[in-house]
Amino acid sequence: MYATECKEWCCYPRKFSDKMQEQVVQTLREKQWTPEQIVERFRLKGIPIVGKTTLSTFHHEDKPSRETFTN
């Protein structure tokens, strides 16, 4: 069953859109979840999301300025 779900999930191309970034930033601010938690929660709810590596990269790119997540 897991292999089938994985194949189905891989068929949908996902780009880290502005809307997706807004949802991630909002979740990071409000709930202070890790990228792994965000990805799993979005997948359980059926919300398109990029992988945890992409989210981790996005999260760490902003850390020097700390603008996006602390406002």
PDB file of N, CA and C in Angstrom:
ATOM      1  N   MET A   1       0.824  -1.193   0.000  1.00  0.00           N
ATOM      2  CA  MET A   1       0.000   0.000   0.000  1.00  0.00           C
ATOM      3  C   MET A   1       0.870   1.260   0.000  1.00  0.00           C
ATOM      4  N   TYR A   2       1.898   1.287   0.802  1.00  0.00           N
ATOM      5  CA  TYR A   2       2.748   2.474   0.872  1.00  0.00           C
ATOM      6  C   TYR A   2       3.405   2.768  -0.473  1.00  0.00           C
ATOM      7  N   ALA A   3       3.850   1.730  -1.178  1.00  0.00           N
ATOM      8  CA  ALA A   3       4.494   1.926  -2.480  1.00  0.00           C
ATOM      9  C   ALA A   3       3.518   2.557  -3.467  1.00  0.00           C
ATOM     10  N   THR A   4       2.275   2.140  -3.419  1.00  0.00           N
ATOM     11  CA  THR A   4       1.260   2.707  -4.305  1.00  0.00           C
ATOM     12  C   THR A   4       1.037   4.177  -3.988  1.00  0.00           C
ATOM     13  N   GLU A   5       0.924   4.501  -2.707  1.00  0.00           N
ATOM     14  CA  GLU A   5       0.741   5.893  -2.304  1.00  0.00           C
ATOM     15  C   GLU A   5       1.923   6.743  -2.724  1.00  0.00           C
ATOM     16  N   CYS A   6       3.109   6.212  -2.585  1.00  0.00           N
ATOM     17  CA  CYS A   6       4.313   6.942  -2.960  1.00  0.00           C
ATOM     18  C   CYS A   6       4.322   7.215  -4.460  1.00  0.00           C
ATOM     19  N   LYS A   7       3.960   6.216  -5.255  1.00  0.00           N
ATOM     20  CA  LYS A   7       3.918   6.404  -6.703  1.00  0.00           C
ATOM     21  C   LYS A   7       2.891   7.453  -7.087  1.00  0.00           C
ATOM     22  N   GLU A   8       1.724   7.412  -6.455  1.00  0.00           N
ATOM     23  CA  GLU A   8       0.685   8.395  -6.747  1.00  0.00           C
ATOM     24  C   GLU A   8       1.144   9.789  -6.357  1.00  0.00           C
ATOM     25  N   TRP A   9       1.802   9.910  -5.223  1.00  0.00           N
ATOM     26  CA  TRP A   9       2.248  11.208  -4.735  1.00  0.00           C
ATOM     27  C   TRP A   9       3.305  11.798  -5.664  1.00  0.00           C
ATOM     28  N   CYS A  10       4.169  10.953  -6.202  1.00  0.00           N
ATOM     29  CA  CYS A  10       5.249  11.423  -7.068  1.00  0.00           C
ATOM     30  C   CYS A  10       4.741  11.881  -8.432  1.00  0.00           C
ATOM     31  N   CYS A  11       3.551  11.510  -8.792  1.00  0.00           N
ATOM     32  CA  CYS A  11       3.005  11.886 -10.101  1.00  0.00           C
ATOM     33  C   CYS A  11       2.628  13.363 -10.177  1.00  0.00           C
ATOM     34  N   TYR A  12       2.447  14.004  -9.054  1.00  0.00           N
ATOM     35  CA  TYR A  12       2.017  15.393  -9.052  1.00  0.00           C
ATOM     36  C   TYR A  12       3.224  16.307  -8.854  1.00  0.00           C
ATOM     37  N   PRO A  13       3.555  17.089  -9.876  1.00  0.00           N
ATOM     38  CA  PRO A  13       4.684  18.011  -9.707  1.00  0.00           C
ATOM     39  C   PRO A  13       4.321  19.111  -8.712  1.00  0.00           C
ATOM     40  N   ARG A  14       5.236  19.419  -7.823  1.00  0.00           N
ATOM     41  CA  ARG A  14       4.996  20.438  -6.817  1.00  0.00           C
ATOM     42  C   ARG A  14       6.112  21.475  -6.881  1.00  0.00           C
ATOM     43  N   LYS A  15       5.729  22.715  -6.941  1.00  0.00           N
ATOM     44  CA  LYS A  15       6.689  23.805  -6.869  1.00  0.00           C
ATOM     45  C   LYS A  15       6.373  24.591  -5.611  1.00  0.00           C
ATOM     46  N   PHE A  16       7.391  25.173  -5.052  1.00  0.00           N
ATOM     47  CA  PHE A  16       7.230  25.924  -3.815  1.00  0.00           C
ATOM     48  C   PHE A  16       6.655  27.292  -4.146  1.00  0.00           C
ATOM     49  N   SER A  17       5.346  27.338  -4.317  1.00  0.00           N
ATOM     50  CA  SER A  17       4.649  28.552  -4.743  1.00  0.00           C
ATOM     51  C   SER A  17       4.585  29.578  -3.609  1.00  0.00           C
ATOM     52  N   ASP A  18       4.181  30.786  -3.972  1.00  0.00           N
ATOM     53  CA  ASP A  18       4.034  31.844  -2.968  1.00  0.00           C
ATOM     54  C   ASP A  18       2.971  31.478  -1.935  1.00  0.00           C
ATOM     55  N   LYS A  19       1.876  30.889  -2.407  1.00  0.00           N
ATOM     56  CA  LYS A  19       0.808  30.488  -1.485  1.00  0.00           C
ATOM     57  C   LYS A  19       1.312  29.438  -0.504  1.00  0.00           C
ATOM     58  N   MET A  20       2.086  28.483  -1.013  1.00  0.00           N
ATOM     59  CA  MET A  20       2.640  27.436  -0.166  1.00  0.00           C
ATOM     60  C   MET A  20       3.600  28.044   0.865  1.00  0.00           C
ATOM     61  N   GLN A  21       4.425  28.993   0.419  1.00  0.00           N
ATOM     62  CA  GLN A  21       5.356  29.655   1.337  1.00  0.00           C
ATOM     63  C   GLN A  21       4.606  30.393   2.436  1.00  0.00           C
ATOM     64  N   GLU A  22       3.506  31.065   2.083  1.00  0.00           N
ATOM     65  CA  GLU A  22       2.710  31.773   3.089  1.00  0.00           C
ATOM     66  C   GLU A  22       2.154  30.811   4.128  1.00  0.00           C
ATOM     67  N   GLN A  23       1.658  29.660   3.671  1.00  0.00           N
ATOM     68  CA  GLN A  23       1.112  28.666   4.600  1.00  0.00           C
ATOM     69  C   GLN A  23       2.202  28.132   5.526  1.00  0.00           C
ATOM     70  N   VAL A  24       3.388  27.895   4.967  1.00  0.00           N
ATOM     71  CA  VAL A  24       4.498  27.369   5.763  1.00  0.00           C
ATOM     72  C   VAL A  24       4.948  28.393   6.794  1.00  0.00           C
ATOM     73  N   VAL A  25       5.116  29.641   6.368  1.00  0.00           N
ATOM     74  CA  VAL A  25       5.557  30.694   7.286  1.00  0.00           C
ATOM     75  C   VAL A  25       4.526  30.880   8.400  1.00  0.00           C
ATOM     76  N   GLN A  26       3.252  30.852   8.042  1.00  0.00           N
ATOM     77  CA  GLN A  26       2.202  30.992   9.044  1.00  0.00           C
ATOM     78  C   GLN A  26       2.264  29.850  10.063  1.00  0.00           C
ATOM     79  N   THR A  27       2.461  28.637   9.584  1.00  0.00           N
ATOM     80  CA  THR A  27       2.542  27.480  10.478  1.00  0.00           C
ATOM     81  C   THR A  27       3.791  27.562  11.348  1.00  0.00           C
ATOM     82  N   LEU A  28       4.908  28.001  10.769  1.00  0.00           N
ATOM     83  CA  LEU A  28       6.134  28.144  11.550  1.00  0.00           C
ATOM     84  C   LEU A  28       5.970  29.192  12.646  1.00  0.00           C
ATOM     85  N   ARG A  29       5.299  30.281  12.321  1.00  0.00           N
ATOM     86  CA  ARG A  29       5.103  31.350  13.310  1.00  0.00           C
ATOM     87  C   ARG A  29       4.144  30.927  14.419  1.00  0.00           C
ATOM     88  N   GLU A  30       2.985  30.397  14.010  1.00  0.00           N
ATOM     89  CA  GLU A  30       1.937  30.097  14.978  1.00  0.00           C
ATOM     90  C   GLU A  30       2.221  28.857  15.813  1.00  0.00           C
ATOM     91  N   LYS A  31       2.677  27.793  15.158  1.00  0.00           N
ATOM     92  CA  LYS A  31       2.816  26.515  15.857  1.00  0.00           C
ATOM     93  C   LYS A  31       4.260  26.132  16.124  1.00  0.00           C
ATOM     94  N   GLN A  32       5.185  26.822  15.475  1.00  0.00           N
ATOM     95  CA  GLN A  32       6.618  26.579  15.629  1.00  0.00           C
ATOM     96  C   GLN A  32       6.967  25.109  15.392  1.00  0.00           C
ATOM     97  N   TRP A  33       6.377  24.550  14.336  1.00  0.00           N
ATOM     98  CA  TRP A  33       6.654  23.170  13.969  1.00  0.00           C
ATOM     99  C   TRP A  33       7.940  23.077  13.173  1.00  0.00           C
ATOM    100  N   THR A  34       8.511  21.876  13.148  1.00  0.00           N
ATOM    101  CA  THR A  34       9.679  21.612  12.306  1.00  0.00           C
ATOM    102  C   THR A  34       9.196  21.386  10.871  1.00  0.00           C
ATOM    103  N   PRO A  35      10.101  21.514   9.895  1.00  0.00           N
ATOM    104  CA  PRO A  35       9.712  21.228   8.509  1.00  0.00           C
ATOM    105  C   PRO A  35       9.126  19.825   8.341  1.00  0.00           C
ATOM    106  N   GLU A  36       9.657  18.852   9.070  1.00  0.00           N
ATOM    107  CA  GLU A  36       9.140  17.491   8.976  1.00  0.00           C
ATOM    108  C   GLU A  36       7.689  17.415   9.442  1.00  0.00           C
ATOM    109  N   GLN A  37       7.376  18.098  10.535  1.00  0.00           N
ATOM    110  CA  GLN A  37       6.013  18.098  11.054  1.00  0.00           C
ATOM    111  C   GLN A  37       5.059  18.777  10.073  1.00  0.00           C
ATOM    112  N   ILE A  38       5.502  19.860   9.474  1.00  0.00           N
ATOM    113  CA  ILE A  38       4.667  20.586   8.515  1.00  0.00           C
ATOM    114  C   ILE A  38       4.350  19.710   7.313  1.00  0.00           C
ATOM    115  N   VAL A  39       5.377  19.065   6.751  1.00  0.00           N
ATOM    116  CA  VAL A  39       5.183  18.219   5.576  1.00  0.00           C
ATOM    117  C   VAL A  39       4.201  17.090   5.884  1.00  0.00           C
ATOM    118  N   GLU A  40       4.391  16.418   7.002  1.00  0.00           N
ATOM    119  CA  GLU A  40       3.516  15.297   7.345  1.00  0.00           C
ATOM    120  C   GLU A  40       2.076  15.757   7.576  1.00  0.00           C
ATOM    121  N   ARG A  41       1.892  16.875   8.258  1.00  0.00           N
ATOM    122  CA  ARG A  41       0.534  17.373   8.526  1.00  0.00           C
ATOM    123  C   ARG A  41      -0.161  17.771   7.233  1.00  0.00           C
ATOM    124  N   PHE A  42       0.550  18.482   6.349  1.00  0.00           N
ATOM    125  CA  PHE A  42      -0.036  18.889   5.078  1.00  0.00           C
ATOM    126  C   PHE A  42      -0.396  17.665   4.248  1.00  0.00           C
ATOM    127  N   ARG A  43       0.459  16.667   4.221  1.00  0.00           N
ATOM    128  CA  ARG A  43       0.177  15.449   3.452  1.00  0.00           C
ATOM    129  C   ARG A  43      -1.043  14.718   3.998  1.00  0.00           C
ATOM    130  N   LEU A  44      -1.156  14.641   5.326  1.00  0.00           N
ATOM    131  CA  LEU A  44      -2.319  13.987   5.930  1.00  0.00           C
ATOM    132  C   LEU A  44      -3.615  14.704   5.566  1.00  0.00           C
ATOM    133  N   LYS A  45      -3.552  16.025   5.455  1.00  0.00           N
ATOM    134  CA  LYS A  45      -4.732  16.812   5.101  1.00  0.00           C
ATOM    135  C   LYS A  45      -4.955  16.891   3.593  1.00  0.00           C
ATOM    136  N   GLY A  46      -4.020  16.355   2.805  1.00  0.00           N
ATOM    137  CA  GLY A  46      -4.163  16.380   1.353  1.00  0.00           C
ATOM    138  C   GLY A  46      -3.779  17.707   0.726  1.00  0.00           C
ATOM    139  N   ILE A  47      -3.049  18.537   1.453  1.00  0.00           N
ATOM    140  CA  ILE A  47      -2.606  19.836   0.942  1.00  0.00           C
ATOM    141  C   ILE A  47      -1.294  19.630   0.206  1.00  0.00           C
ATOM    142  N   PRO A  48      -1.197  20.097  -1.048  1.00  0.00           N
ATOM    143  CA  PRO A  48       0.066  19.939  -1.776  1.00  0.00           C
ATOM    144  C   PRO A  48       1.206  20.642  -1.046  1.00  0.00           C
ATOM    145  N   ILE A  49       2.324  19.960  -0.928  1.00  0.00           N
ATOM    146  CA  ILE A  49       3.484  20.513  -0.222  1.00  0.00           C
ATOM    147  C   ILE A  49       4.748  19.922  -0.819  1.00  0.00           C
ATOM    148  N   VAL A  50       5.815  20.690  -0.769  1.00  0.00           N
ATOM    149  CA  VAL A  50       7.114  20.203  -1.221  1.00  0.00           C
ATOM    150  C   VAL A  50       7.701  19.316  -0.125  1.00  0.00           C
ATOM    151  N   GLY A  51       8.843  18.735  -0.375  1.00  0.00           N
ATOM    152  CA  GLY A  51       9.471  17.847   0.588  1.00  0.00           C
ATOM    153  C   GLY A  51      10.097  18.577   1.759  1.00  0.00           C
ATOM    154  N   LYS A  52      10.448  17.787   2.773  1.00  0.00           N
ATOM    155  CA  LYS A  52      11.028  18.378   3.986  1.00  0.00           C
ATOM    156  C   LYS A  52      12.396  18.999   3.730  1.00  0.00           C
ATOM    157  N   THR A  53      13.133  18.492   2.740  1.00  0.00           N
ATOM    158  CA  THR A  53      14.437  19.072   2.429  1.00  0.00           C
ATOM    159  C   THR A  53      14.280  20.479   1.876  1.00  0.00           C
ATOM    160  N   THR A  54      13.304  20.672   1.003  1.00  0.00           N
ATOM    161  CA  THR A  54      13.041  22.003   0.454  1.00  0.00           C
ATOM    162  C   THR A  54      12.616  22.959   1.561  1.00  0.00           C
ATOM    163  N   LEU A  55      11.762  22.492   2.462  1.00  0.00           N
ATOM    164  CA  LEU A  55      11.330  23.349   3.574  1.00  0.00           C
ATOM    165  C   LEU A  55      12.491  23.679   4.503  1.00  0.00           C
ATOM    166  N   SER A  56      13.337  22.709   4.775  1.00  0.00           N
ATOM    167  CA  SER A  56      14.498  22.965   5.632  1.00  0.00           C
ATOM    168  C   SER A  56      15.420  23.993   5.004  1.00  0.00           C
ATOM    169  N   THR A  57      15.653  23.868   3.705  1.00  0.00           N
ATOM    170  CA  THR A  57      16.493  24.834   3.000  1.00  0.00           C
ATOM    171  C   THR A  57      15.878  26.224   3.074  1.00  0.00           C
ATOM    172  N   PHE A  58      14.573  26.326   2.819  1.00  0.00           N
ATOM    173  CA  PHE A  58      13.869  27.612   2.898  1.00  0.00           C
ATOM    174  C   PHE A  58      13.985  28.199   4.301  1.00  0.00           C
ATOM    175  N   HIS A  59      13.811  27.369   5.301  1.00  0.00           N
ATOM    176  CA  HIS A  59      13.868  27.818   6.691  1.00  0.00           C
ATOM    177  C   HIS A  59      15.264  28.317   7.059  1.00  0.00           C
ATOM    178  N   HIS A  60      16.288  27.605   6.646  1.00  0.00           N
ATOM    179  CA  HIS A  60      17.657  27.981   7.004  1.00  0.00           C
ATOM    180  C   HIS A  60      18.195  29.135   6.178  1.00  0.00           C
ATOM    181  N   GLU A  61      17.665  29.352   4.976  1.00  0.00           N
ATOM    182  CA  GLU A  61      18.095  30.491   4.167  1.00  0.00           C
ATOM    183  C   GLU A  61      17.731  31.802   4.835  1.00  0.00           C
ATOM    184  N   ASP A  62      16.648  31.818   5.583  1.00  0.00           N
ATOM    185  CA  ASP A  62      16.162  33.047   6.201  1.00  0.00           C
ATOM    186  C   ASP A  62      16.767  33.299   7.578  1.00  0.00           C
ATOM    187  N   LYS A  63      17.414  32.331   8.150  1.00  0.00           N
ATOM    188  CA  LYS A  63      17.896  32.481   9.526  1.00  0.00           C
ATOM    189  C   LYS A  63      18.845  33.657   9.752  1.00  0.00           C
ATOM    190  N   PRO A  64      19.803  33.955   8.857  1.00  0.00           N
ATOM    191  CA  PRO A  64      20.686  35.087   9.135  1.00  0.00           C
ATOM    192  C   PRO A  64      19.943  36.412   9.313  1.00  0.00           C
ATOM    193  N   SER A  65      18.901  36.631   8.522  1.00  0.00           N
ATOM    194  CA  SER A  65      18.177  37.894   8.634  1.00  0.00           C
ATOM    195  C   SER A  65      17.051  37.829   9.662  1.00  0.00           C
ATOM    196  N   ARG A  66      16.511  36.641   9.871  1.00  0.00           N
ATOM    197  CA  ARG A  66      15.425  36.415  10.835  1.00  0.00           C
ATOM    198  C   ARG A  66      14.215  37.313  10.581  1.00  0.00           C
ATOM    199  N   GLU A  67      14.000  37.722   9.345  1.00  0.00           N
ATOM    200  CA  GLU A  67      12.885  38.614   9.053  1.00  0.00           C
ATOM    201  C   GLU A  67      11.569  37.888   8.888  1.00  0.00           C
ATOM    202  N   THR A  68      11.560  36.810   8.136  1.00  0.00           N
ATOM    203  CA  THR A  68      10.302  36.158   7.771  1.00  0.00           C
ATOM    204  C   THR A  68       9.604  35.529   8.966  1.00  0.00           C
ATOM    205  N   PHE A  69      10.356  34.899   9.851  1.00  0.00           N
ATOM    206  CA  PHE A  69       9.724  34.084  10.889  1.00  0.00           C
ATOM    207  C   PHE A  69       9.521  34.812  12.216  1.00  0.00           C
ATOM    208  N   THR A  70      10.083  35.973  12.381  1.00  0.00           N
ATOM    209  CA  THR A  70       9.965  36.643  13.671  1.00  0.00           C
ATOM    210  C   THR A  70       9.010  37.816  13.662  1.00  0.00           C
ATOM    211  N   ASN A  71       8.473  38.188  12.529  1.00  0.00           N
ATOM    212  CA  ASN A  71       7.547  39.327  12.461  1.00  0.00           C
ATOM    213  C   ASN A  71       6.196  38.949  12.966  1.00  0.00           C
TER     214      ASN A  71
END
